[in-house]
Amino acid sequence: MKLVLASNNKGKLAELQYMLEPLGVELIPQSQLGVGEAEEPFHTFVENALTKARFASAHTGLPAIADDAGICIEAFGGLPGVQTAYYATQFGYEKGDANNVRALIEQMANIDNRRATMVSTLVAVRSPQDPEPLIAVGRVRGEITREPRGTNGFGFDPVMFVPELGHTFAELPTAVKNGYSHRGRATRLMLELLRDNWL
């Protein structure tokens, strides 16, 4: 089964392809099919993921899957949330993972409440007008470290410490991270939904 991935994020592609392989799903990044990025005008992960999936399906004629994910910092009232990828830009830095981590460490320097939640919302549609999209949400709660730790993963993985594991996501081997991460949890739910509804 071919699914268009409504993202050009190489980290997401690698993680999702690895986890969807057991179903025989082949993920095709939308950029390979000449599709640009969709607008993401909403304030919730599910609305933006649905918009991206419908956009990719409309421009390719194929079923599509989209992931909208981010980090929600308790001390910031849940922000940056859907604006996670652009977090650093509001502080004068260029968009990018390393700058996001740097900006977050700076902004939390004098904050004792380090609690945070990583959220991944996957949405799959059979067509642009699909009235019954498949929706899977995964969450992991943890704490923001005061310095980056580890070199694996991407995004905020170097500062997302998971107490149950005793490590940041970036300190974990890929297989362990995928088994525990927000995206791993959402993908396992999506696998069940795909198996039960589409295959």
C-alpha atoms as a PDB file:
ATOM      1  CA  MET A   1       0.000   0.000   0.000  1.00  0.00           C
ATOM      2  CA  LYS A   2       1.338   3.431  -0.950  1.00  0.00           C
ATOM      3  CA  LEU A   3       0.743   6.401   1.312  1.00  0.00           C
ATOM      4  CA  VAL A   4       1.891   9.952   0.675  1.00  0.00           C
ATOM      5  CA  LEU A   5       3.598  11.433   3.725  1.00  0.00           C
ATOM      6  CA  ALA A   6       2.437  15.021   4.057  1.00  0.00           C
ATOM      7  CA  SER A   7       5.827  16.173   5.288  1.00  0.00           C
ATOM      8  CA  ASN A   8       9.338  16.745   3.996  1.00  0.00           C
ATOM      9  CA  ASN A   9      10.884  16.145   7.435  1.00  0.00           C
ATOM     10  CA  LYS A  10      13.495  13.401   6.969  1.00  0.00           C
ATOM     11  CA  GLY A  11      13.378  12.453  10.644  1.00  0.00           C
ATOM     12  CA  LYS A  12       9.627  11.864  10.525  1.00  0.00           C
ATOM     13  CA  LEU A  13       9.938   9.922   7.262  1.00  0.00           C
ATOM     14  CA  ALA A  14      12.569   7.573   8.675  1.00  0.00           C
ATOM     15  CA  GLU A  15      10.689   6.945  11.922  1.00  0.00           C
ATOM     16  CA  LEU A  16       7.295   6.426  10.307  1.00  0.00           C
ATOM     17  CA  GLN A  17       8.609   4.248   7.459  1.00  0.00           C
ATOM     18  CA  TYR A  18      10.387   1.993   9.944  1.00  0.00           C
ATOM     19  CA  MET A  19       7.278   1.627  12.080  1.00  0.00           C
ATOM     20  CA  LEU A  20       4.787   1.160   9.211  1.00  0.00           C
ATOM     21  CA  GLU A  21       6.877  -1.465   7.384  1.00  0.00           C
ATOM     22  CA  PRO A  22       5.193  -4.432   9.121  1.00  0.00           C
ATOM     23  CA  LEU A  23       1.974  -3.556   7.245  1.00  0.00           C
ATOM     24  CA  GLY A  24       3.752  -3.343   3.912  1.00  0.00           C
ATOM     25  CA  VAL A  25       3.120   0.400   3.759  1.00  0.00           C
ATOM     26  CA  GLU A  26       5.391   2.365   1.444  1.00  0.00           C
ATOM     27  CA  LEU A  27       5.661   6.018   2.443  1.00  0.00           C
ATOM     28  CA  ILE A  28       6.330   8.494  -0.348  1.00  0.00           C
ATOM     29  CA  PRO A  29       7.351  11.988   0.775  1.00  0.00           C
ATOM     30  CA  GLN A  30       5.156  14.588  -0.887  1.00  0.00           C
ATOM     31  CA  SER A  31       8.230  16.420  -2.205  1.00  0.00           C
ATOM     32  CA  GLN A  32       9.011  13.417  -4.451  1.00  0.00           C
ATOM     33  CA  LEU A  33       5.652  14.035  -6.108  1.00  0.00           C
ATOM     34  CA  GLY A  34       6.190  17.783  -6.483  1.00  0.00           C
ATOM     35  CA  VAL A  35       3.856  18.767  -3.637  1.00  0.00           C
ATOM     36  CA  GLY A  36       4.753  21.760  -1.478  1.00  0.00           C
ATOM     37  CA  GLU A  37       3.912  22.413   2.145  1.00  0.00           C
ATOM     38  CA  ALA A  38       0.296  22.977   3.177  1.00  0.00           C
ATOM     39  CA  GLU A  39      -0.774  25.971   5.227  1.00  0.00           C
ATOM     40  CA  GLU A  40      -1.128  25.164   8.930  1.00  0.00           C
ATOM     41  CA  PRO A  41      -3.455  27.875  10.213  1.00  0.00           C
ATOM     42  CA  PHE A  42      -4.905  26.090  13.232  1.00  0.00           C
ATOM     43  CA  HIS A  43      -4.003  25.948  16.920  1.00  0.00           C
ATOM     44  CA  THR A  44      -4.469  22.204  17.447  1.00  0.00           C
ATOM     45  CA  PHE A  45      -2.380  19.290  16.233  1.00  0.00           C
ATOM     46  CA  VAL A  46      -5.380  17.372  14.885  1.00  0.00           C
ATOM     47  CA  GLU A  47      -6.688  20.238  12.740  1.00  0.00           C
ATOM     48  CA  ASN A  48      -3.285  20.890  11.197  1.00  0.00           C
ATOM     49  CA  ALA A  49      -2.589  17.184  10.575  1.00  0.00           C
ATOM     50  CA  LEU A  50      -5.970  16.783   8.882  1.00  0.00           C
ATOM     51  CA  THR A  51      -5.333  19.844   6.707  1.00  0.00           C
ATOM     52  CA  LYS A  52      -1.917  18.520   5.652  1.00  0.00           C
ATOM     53  CA  ALA A  53      -3.253  15.037   4.867  1.00  0.00           C
ATOM     54  CA  ARG A  54      -6.137  16.391   2.765  1.00  0.00           C
ATOM     55  CA  PHE A  55      -3.758  18.751   0.931  1.00  0.00           C
ATOM     56  CA  ALA A  56      -1.307  15.948   0.058  1.00  0.00           C
ATOM     57  CA  SER A  57      -4.105  13.641  -1.078  1.00  0.00           C
ATOM     58  CA  ALA A  58      -5.700  16.370  -3.199  1.00  0.00           C
ATOM     59  CA  HIS A  59      -2.419  17.080  -4.988  1.00  0.00           C
ATOM     60  CA  THR A  60      -1.423  13.452  -5.585  1.00  0.00           C
ATOM     61  CA  GLY A  61      -4.658  11.477  -5.888  1.00  0.00           C
ATOM     62  CA  LEU A  62      -3.281   9.005  -3.335  1.00  0.00           C
ATOM     63  CA  PRO A  63      -4.184   8.204   0.257  1.00  0.00           C
ATOM     64  CA  ALA A  64      -2.134  10.370   2.591  1.00  0.00           C
ATOM     65  CA  ILE A  65      -0.886  10.425   6.142  1.00  0.00           C
ATOM     66  CA  ALA A  66       0.215  13.476   8.085  1.00  0.00           C
ATOM     67  CA  ASP A  67       1.855  13.954  11.450  1.00  0.00           C
ATOM     68  CA  ASP A  68       1.550  17.143  13.415  1.00  0.00           C
ATOM     69  CA  ALA A  69       3.689  16.990  16.493  1.00  0.00           C
ATOM     70  CA  GLY A  70       5.221  19.270  19.013  1.00  0.00           C
ATOM     71  CA  ILE A  71       6.199  19.926  22.560  1.00  0.00           C
ATOM     72  CA  CYS A  72       3.865  21.448  25.126  1.00  0.00           C
ATOM     73  CA  ILE A  73       5.668  23.114  28.042  1.00  0.00           C
ATOM     74  CA  GLU A  74       3.589  23.252  31.220  1.00  0.00           C
ATOM     75  CA  ALA A  75       5.201  26.500  32.444  1.00  0.00           C
ATOM     76  CA  PHE A  76       4.296  28.152  29.116  1.00  0.00           C
ATOM     77  CA  GLY A  77       0.625  27.156  29.242  1.00  0.00           C
ATOM     78  CA  GLY A  78       1.174  24.373  26.701  1.00  0.00           C
ATOM     79  CA  LEU A  79       3.162  26.422  24.197  1.00  0.00           C
ATOM     80  CA  PRO A  80       4.880  26.209  21.761  1.00  0.00           C
ATOM     81  CA  GLY A  81       2.490  23.404  20.740  1.00  0.00           C
ATOM     82  CA  VAL A  82       1.733  23.547  17.016  1.00  0.00           C
ATOM     83  CA  GLN A  83       4.392  26.246  16.582  1.00  0.00           C
ATOM     84  CA  THR A  84       7.166  23.942  17.832  1.00  0.00           C
ATOM     85  CA  ALA A  85       9.084  23.882  14.525  1.00  0.00           C
ATOM     86  CA  TYR A  86       9.252  27.692  14.511  1.00  0.00           C
ATOM     87  CA  TYR A  87       9.919  28.173  18.221  1.00  0.00           C
ATOM     88  CA  ALA A  88      13.379  29.746  17.820  1.00  0.00           C
ATOM     89  CA  THR A  89      12.242  32.324  15.258  1.00  0.00           C
ATOM     90  CA  GLN A  90      10.311  34.341  17.852  1.00  0.00           C
ATOM     91  CA  PHE A  91      13.615  34.963  19.652  1.00  0.00           C
ATOM     92  CA  GLY A  92      15.574  36.098  16.604  1.00  0.00           C
ATOM     93  CA  TYR A  93      17.078  32.750  15.630  1.00  0.00           C
ATOM     94  CA  GLU A  94      16.730  30.997  12.293  1.00  0.00           C
ATOM     95  CA  LYS A  95      14.362  28.039  12.101  1.00  0.00           C
ATOM     96  CA  GLY A  96      16.086  24.774  13.007  1.00  0.00           C
ATOM     97  CA  ASP A  97      16.336  22.044  15.618  1.00  0.00           C
ATOM     98  CA  ALA A  98      19.570  23.256  17.237  1.00  0.00           C
ATOM     99  CA  ASN A  99      18.247  26.811  17.521  1.00  0.00           C
ATOM    100  CA  ASN A 100      14.950  25.573  18.951  1.00  0.00           C
ATOM    101  CA  VAL A 101      16.809  23.681  21.674  1.00  0.00           C
ATOM    102  CA  ARG A 102      19.050  26.671  22.377  1.00  0.00           C
ATOM    103  CA  ALA A 103      16.083  29.062  22.614  1.00  0.00           C
ATOM    104  CA  LEU A 104      14.144  26.725  24.914  1.00  0.00           C
ATOM    105  CA  ILE A 105      17.085  26.316  27.295  1.00  0.00           C
ATOM    106  CA  GLU A 106      17.500  30.095  27.399  1.00  0.00           C
ATOM    107  CA  GLN A 107      13.781  30.754  27.981  1.00  0.00           C
ATOM    108  CA  MET A 108      13.606  28.160  30.777  1.00  0.00           C
ATOM    109  CA  ALA A 109      16.849  29.187  32.507  1.00  0.00           C
ATOM    110  CA  ASN A 110      15.087  30.518  35.606  1.00  0.00           C
ATOM    111  CA  ILE A 111      12.061  28.207  35.580  1.00  0.00           C
ATOM    112  CA  ASP A 112      11.844  25.350  38.080  1.00  0.00           C
ATOM    113  CA  ASN A 113       8.725  23.713  36.600  1.00  0.00           C
ATOM    114  CA  ARG A 114      10.363  21.667  33.831  1.00  0.00           C
ATOM    115  CA  ARG A 115       7.363  19.438  32.996  1.00  0.00           C
ATOM    116  CA  ALA A 116       6.572  18.972  29.312  1.00  0.00           C
ATOM    117  CA  THR A 117       4.581  16.710  27.027  1.00  0.00           C
ATOM    118  CA  MET A 118       5.540  15.623  23.530  1.00  0.00           C
ATOM    119  CA  VAL A 119       2.486  15.050  21.357  1.00  0.00           C
ATOM    120  CA  SER A 120       2.175  13.343  17.978  1.00  0.00           C
ATOM    121  CA  THR A 121      -1.109  13.349  16.071  1.00  0.00           C
ATOM    122  CA  LEU A 122      -1.300  11.161  12.973  1.00  0.00           C
ATOM    123  CA  VAL A 123      -4.157  11.554  10.509  1.00  0.00           C
ATOM    124  CA  ALA A 124      -4.709   9.345   7.454  1.00  0.00           C
ATOM    125  CA  VAL A 125      -7.224   9.992   4.667  1.00  0.00           C
ATOM    126  CA  ARG A 126      -8.207   7.836   1.684  1.00  0.00           C
ATOM    127  CA  SER A 127      -9.073  10.910  -0.366  1.00  0.00           C
ATOM    128  CA  PRO A 128      -9.241  14.690   0.088  1.00  0.00           C
ATOM    129  CA  GLN A 129     -12.941  14.449   1.028  1.00  0.00           C
ATOM    130  CA  ASP A 130     -12.657  11.382   3.257  1.00  0.00           C
ATOM    131  CA  PRO A 131     -15.451  11.837   5.847  1.00  0.00           C
ATOM    132  CA  GLU A 132     -13.857   9.323   8.217  1.00  0.00           C
ATOM    133  CA  PRO A 133     -10.168  10.101   8.651  1.00  0.00           C
ATOM    134  CA  LEU A 134      -8.162   7.807  10.854  1.00  0.00           C
ATOM    135  CA  ILE A 135      -6.782   9.703  13.868  1.00  0.00           C
ATOM    136  CA  ALA A 136      -4.164   8.455  16.330  1.00  0.00           C
ATOM    137  CA  VAL A 137      -2.625  10.475  19.157  1.00  0.00           C
ATOM    138  CA  GLY A 138       0.465   9.605  21.187  1.00  0.00           C
ATOM    139  CA  ARG A 139       1.765  11.482  24.239  1.00  0.00           C
ATOM    140  CA  VAL A 140       4.860  11.233  26.412  1.00  0.00           C
ATOM    141  CA  ARG A 141       5.336  13.254  29.569  1.00  0.00           C
ATOM    142  CA  GLY A 142       8.767  14.253  30.755  1.00  0.00           C
ATOM    143  CA  GLU A 143      10.968  17.117  31.860  1.00  0.00           C
ATOM    144  CA  ILE A 144      13.156  19.617  30.051  1.00  0.00           C
ATOM    145  CA  THR A 145      16.828  19.257  30.905  1.00  0.00           C
ATOM    146  CA  ARG A 146      19.042  22.274  31.491  1.00  0.00           C
ATOM    147  CA  GLU A 147      21.551  21.159  28.835  1.00  0.00           C
ATOM    148  CA  PRO A 148      21.236  18.992  25.692  1.00  0.00           C
ATOM    149  CA  ARG A 149      22.063  15.318  26.209  1.00  0.00           C
ATOM    150  CA  GLY A 150      22.596  12.761  23.461  1.00  0.00           C
ATOM    151  CA  THR A 151      23.010  12.901  19.697  1.00  0.00           C
ATOM    152  CA  ASN A 152      20.257  10.644  18.338  1.00  0.00           C
ATOM    153  CA  GLY A 153      16.842  11.772  17.141  1.00  0.00           C
ATOM    154  CA  PHE A 154      15.801  15.259  16.125  1.00  0.00           C
ATOM    155  CA  GLY A 155      13.719  18.194  17.313  1.00  0.00           C
ATOM    156  CA  PHE A 156      13.672  18.563  21.091  1.00  0.00           C
ATOM    157  CA  ASP A 157      14.905  14.994  21.702  1.00  0.00           C
ATOM    158  CA  PRO A 158      18.188  16.197  23.334  1.00  0.00           C
ATOM    159  CA  VAL A 159      16.314  18.065  26.095  1.00  0.00           C
ATOM    160  CA  MET A 160      13.268  15.801  26.592  1.00  0.00           C
ATOM    161  CA  PHE A 161      14.120  13.703  29.649  1.00  0.00           C
ATOM    162  CA  VAL A 162      11.808  10.762  30.327  1.00  0.00           C
ATOM    163  CA  PRO A 163      12.030   9.806  34.027  1.00  0.00           C
ATOM    164  CA  GLU A 164      10.858   6.196  33.479  1.00  0.00           C
ATOM    165  CA  LEU A 165      13.740   5.652  31.062  1.00  0.00           C
ATOM    166  CA  GLY A 166      16.316   7.746  32.900  1.00  0.00           C
ATOM    167  CA  HIS A 167      17.449   9.359  29.639  1.00  0.00           C
ATOM    168  CA  THR A 168      16.575  11.995  27.079  1.00  0.00           C
ATOM    169  CA  PHE A 169      15.158  10.690  23.808  1.00  0.00           C
ATOM    170  CA  ALA A 170      18.430  11.658  22.105  1.00  0.00           C
ATOM    171  CA  GLU A 171      20.370   9.328  24.422  1.00  0.00           C
ATOM    172  CA  LEU A 172      18.342   6.276  23.436  1.00  0.00           C
ATOM    173  CA  PRO A 173      18.953   3.816  20.598  1.00  0.00           C
ATOM    174  CA  THR A 174      16.454   4.347  17.779  1.00  0.00           C
ATOM    175  CA  ALA A 175      14.532   1.121  18.446  1.00  0.00           C
ATOM    176  CA  VAL A 176      14.082   2.005  22.130  1.00  0.00           C
ATOM    177  CA  LYS A 177      13.011   5.554  21.324  1.00  0.00           C
ATOM    178  CA  ASN A 178      10.528   4.381  18.695  1.00  0.00           C
ATOM    179  CA  GLY A 179       9.072   1.944  21.188  1.00  0.00           C
ATOM    180  CA  TYR A 180       8.396   4.655  23.734  1.00  0.00           C
ATOM    181  CA  SER A 181       8.097   7.987  21.928  1.00  0.00           C
ATOM    182  CA  HIS A 182       4.975  10.030  21.248  1.00  0.00           C
ATOM    183  CA  ARG A 183       5.315   9.231  17.538  1.00  0.00           C
ATOM    184  CA  GLY A 184       5.860   5.538  18.312  1.00  0.00           C
ATOM    185  CA  ARG A 185       2.686   5.452  20.394  1.00  0.00           C
ATOM    186  CA  ALA A 186       0.661   7.273  17.742  1.00  0.00           C
ATOM    187  CA  THR A 187       2.042   5.009  15.008  1.00  0.00           C
ATOM    188  CA  ARG A 188       1.121   1.828  16.875  1.00  0.00           C
ATOM    189  CA  LEU A 189      -2.443   3.116  17.203  1.00  0.00           C
ATOM    190  CA  MET A 190      -2.442   4.076  13.511  1.00  0.00           C
ATOM    191  CA  LEU A 191      -1.217   0.585  12.564  1.00  0.00           C
ATOM    192  CA  GLU A 192      -4.252  -0.894  14.309  1.00  0.00           C
ATOM    193  CA  LEU A 193      -6.590   1.601  12.650  1.00  0.00           C
ATOM    194  CA  LEU A 194      -5.140   0.941   9.191  1.00  0.00           C
ATOM    195  CA  ARG A 195      -5.293  -2.820   9.703  1.00  0.00           C
ATOM    196  CA  ASP A 196      -8.871  -2.712  10.958  1.00  0.00           C
ATOM    197  CA  ASN A 197     -10.260  -0.174   8.504  1.00  0.00           C
ATOM    198  CA  TRP A 198      -8.278  -0.031   5.278  1.00  0.00           C
ATOM    199  CA  LEU A 199      -6.540  -3.377   4.751  1.00  0.00           C
END
